[in-house]
Amino acid sequence: MRLLLVAAVALIDADGRVLLAQRPPGKSLAGLWEFPGGKVEPGEVPEAALIRELQEELGIDTQAACLAPLTFASHSYPEFHLLMPLFACRRWKGTPQPREGQQLAWVAPARLRDYPMPPADLPLIPILRDWL
């Protein structure tokens, strides 16, 4: 089974809310909410992938020093096995804007379960709730 490495980030605002992005129509798992991030390209480290993806998807800038490893998800889908490190980030420059047709929502940790998410993201919710 193919292993897919995807990096994700919990952007946490001054009020302790977490940013979720809704997968746009036309993408797999469209309509589900997820933590921003994306595929780690060959030769790329997860932190660099997140810095790139946050600029591309949300128009914000951050640095590797602002990305704290928090936990990870390991989930088998029919076509591949997903390994997804989740980082926490409280410092970035700019205001997140939806640049790829996605909807964004700032969500209190206690309300994360109110948003339908891909199966790989679900085990991350209790960890974020406990940590925040």
Protein backbone atom coordinates (compact mmCIF):
# COMPACT_ATOMS: atom_id res chain seq x y z
CA MET A 1 0.00 0.00 0.00
CA ARG A 2 1.31 3.44 -0.92
CA LEU A 3 2.26 5.75 1.97
CA LEU A 4 1.14 9.37 1.62
CA LEU A 5 2.78 11.98 3.85
CA VAL A 6 0.62 15.05 4.45
CA ALA A 7 1.45 17.83 6.93
CA ALA A 8 -1.34 19.71 8.72
CA VAL A 9 -1.45 22.63 11.11
CA ALA A 10 -3.77 23.83 13.85
CA LEU A 11 -3.63 27.61 13.46
CA ILE A 12 -4.65 28.98 16.85
CA ASP A 13 -5.83 32.57 17.18
CA ALA A 14 -5.61 34.87 20.23
CA ASP A 15 -9.01 33.59 21.44
CA GLY A 16 -7.83 29.95 21.36
CA ARG A 17 -9.92 29.07 18.29
CA VAL A 18 -8.62 26.71 15.59
CA LEU A 19 -8.89 27.41 11.86
CA LEU A 20 -10.67 24.77 9.77
CA ALA A 21 -10.94 24.76 5.99
CA GLN A 22 -13.76 23.07 4.07
CA ARG A 23 -12.64 20.97 1.11
CA PRO A 24 -14.07 22.61 -2.03
CA PRO A 25 -16.27 20.91 -4.63
CA GLY A 26 -14.34 18.77 -7.09
CA LYS A 27 -11.74 17.57 -4.57
CA SER A 28 -11.87 14.19 -2.86
CA LEU A 29 -13.78 14.35 0.43
CA ALA A 30 -15.41 17.61 -0.76
CA GLY A 31 -17.49 19.36 1.89
CA LEU A 32 -15.56 17.93 4.83
CA TRP A 33 -13.62 20.22 7.16
CA GLU A 34 -9.91 19.78 7.79
CA PHE A 35 -6.84 21.40 9.26
CA PRO A 36 -4.92 23.43 6.64
CA GLY A 37 -1.91 21.78 5.05
CA GLY A 38 -1.07 19.49 2.20
CA LYS A 39 1.17 16.88 0.64
CA VAL A 40 4.84 16.84 1.50
CA GLU A 41 6.73 16.86 -1.81
CA PRO A 42 9.77 14.60 -2.41
CA GLY A 43 12.83 16.06 -0.71
CA GLU A 44 10.68 18.42 1.39
CA VAL A 45 10.34 18.35 5.19
CA PRO A 46 6.87 18.73 6.76
CA GLU A 47 7.61 22.21 8.12
CA ALA A 48 8.63 23.47 4.66
CA ALA A 49 5.51 21.90 3.16
CA LEU A 50 3.33 23.75 5.68
CA ILE A 51 5.04 27.08 5.08
CA ARG A 52 4.47 26.60 1.32
CA GLU A 53 0.88 25.37 1.68
CA LEU A 54 -0.12 28.16 4.09
CA GLN A 55 1.13 30.74 1.59
CA GLU A 56 -0.61 29.02 -1.36
CA GLU A 57 -3.92 28.18 0.35
CA LEU A 58 -4.36 31.01 2.85
CA GLY A 59 -1.94 33.78 1.87
CA ILE A 60 -0.19 33.82 5.24
CA ASP A 61 3.50 33.54 6.12
CA THR A 62 5.06 31.68 9.02
CA GLN A 63 8.44 30.20 9.90
CA ALA A 64 9.54 26.73 10.94
CA ALA A 65 10.32 28.07 14.45
CA CYS A 66 6.60 28.91 14.83
CA LEU A 67 5.47 25.35 14.01
CA ALA A 68 5.38 23.11 17.09
CA PRO A 69 4.87 19.37 16.48
CA LEU A 70 1.79 18.31 18.42
CA THR A 71 0.67 14.82 17.34
CA PHE A 72 0.06 12.76 14.21
CA ALA A 73 -2.60 10.73 12.47
CA SER A 74 -2.08 7.34 10.83
CA HIS A 75 -5.05 6.12 8.79
CA SER A 76 -5.60 3.59 6.01
CA TYR A 77 -7.80 4.66 3.13
CA PRO A 78 -8.61 2.15 0.36
CA GLU A 79 -6.02 3.62 -2.05
CA PHE A 80 -3.21 4.63 0.36
CA HIS A 81 -2.09 4.90 3.96
CA LEU A 82 -2.01 8.47 5.28
CA LEU A 83 0.61 9.63 7.75
CA MET A 84 -0.14 13.17 8.88
CA PRO A 85 1.91 15.09 11.43
CA LEU A 86 -0.13 17.88 13.04
CA PHE A 87 1.68 21.03 14.10
CA ALA A 88 0.38 23.88 16.24
CA CYS A 89 1.00 27.47 15.17
CA ARG A 90 0.13 30.65 17.04
CA ARG A 91 2.30 33.11 15.06
CA TRP A 92 1.97 34.06 11.40
CA LYS A 93 1.87 37.18 9.26
CA GLY A 94 -1.26 38.16 7.37
CA THR A 95 -4.92 37.27 7.67
CA PRO A 96 -5.98 33.83 6.42
CA GLN A 97 -7.97 34.18 3.20
CA PRO A 98 -9.55 31.34 1.19
CA ARG A 99 -7.41 31.25 -1.98
CA GLU A 100 -8.56 27.88 -3.36
CA GLY A 101 -12.35 28.13 -3.19
CA GLN A 102 -12.57 26.70 0.31
CA GLN A 103 -14.64 28.03 3.19
CA LEU A 104 -12.86 28.91 6.44
CA ALA A 105 -14.10 28.78 10.03
CA TRP A 106 -12.51 29.73 13.35
CA VAL A 107 -13.76 27.08 15.76
CA ALA A 108 -13.59 26.78 19.54
CA PRO A 109 -11.89 23.48 20.48
CA ALA A 110 -15.07 22.24 22.21
CA ARG A 111 -16.99 22.66 18.91
CA LEU A 112 -14.56 20.86 16.57
CA ARG A 113 -16.79 17.75 16.57
CA ASP A 114 -19.61 19.88 15.11
CA TYR A 115 -17.74 19.95 11.79
CA PRO A 116 -17.73 16.78 9.67
CA MET A 117 -14.10 15.78 9.02
CA PRO A 118 -12.23 13.08 7.12
CA PRO A 119 -11.66 9.91 9.18
CA ALA A 120 -7.93 10.62 9.60
CA ASP A 121 -8.62 14.00 11.25
CA LEU A 122 -11.10 12.75 13.87
CA PRO A 123 -8.55 11.29 16.35
CA LEU A 124 -6.79 14.67 16.43
CA ILE A 125 -9.80 16.46 17.96
CA PRO A 126 -9.52 15.13 21.55
CA ILE A 127 -5.81 15.92 21.63
CA LEU A 128 -6.45 19.51 20.55
CA ARG A 129 -9.33 19.91 22.99
CA ASP A 130 -7.19 18.64 25.88
CA TRP A 131 -4.17 20.71 24.88
CA LEU A 132 -6.07 23.95 24.35
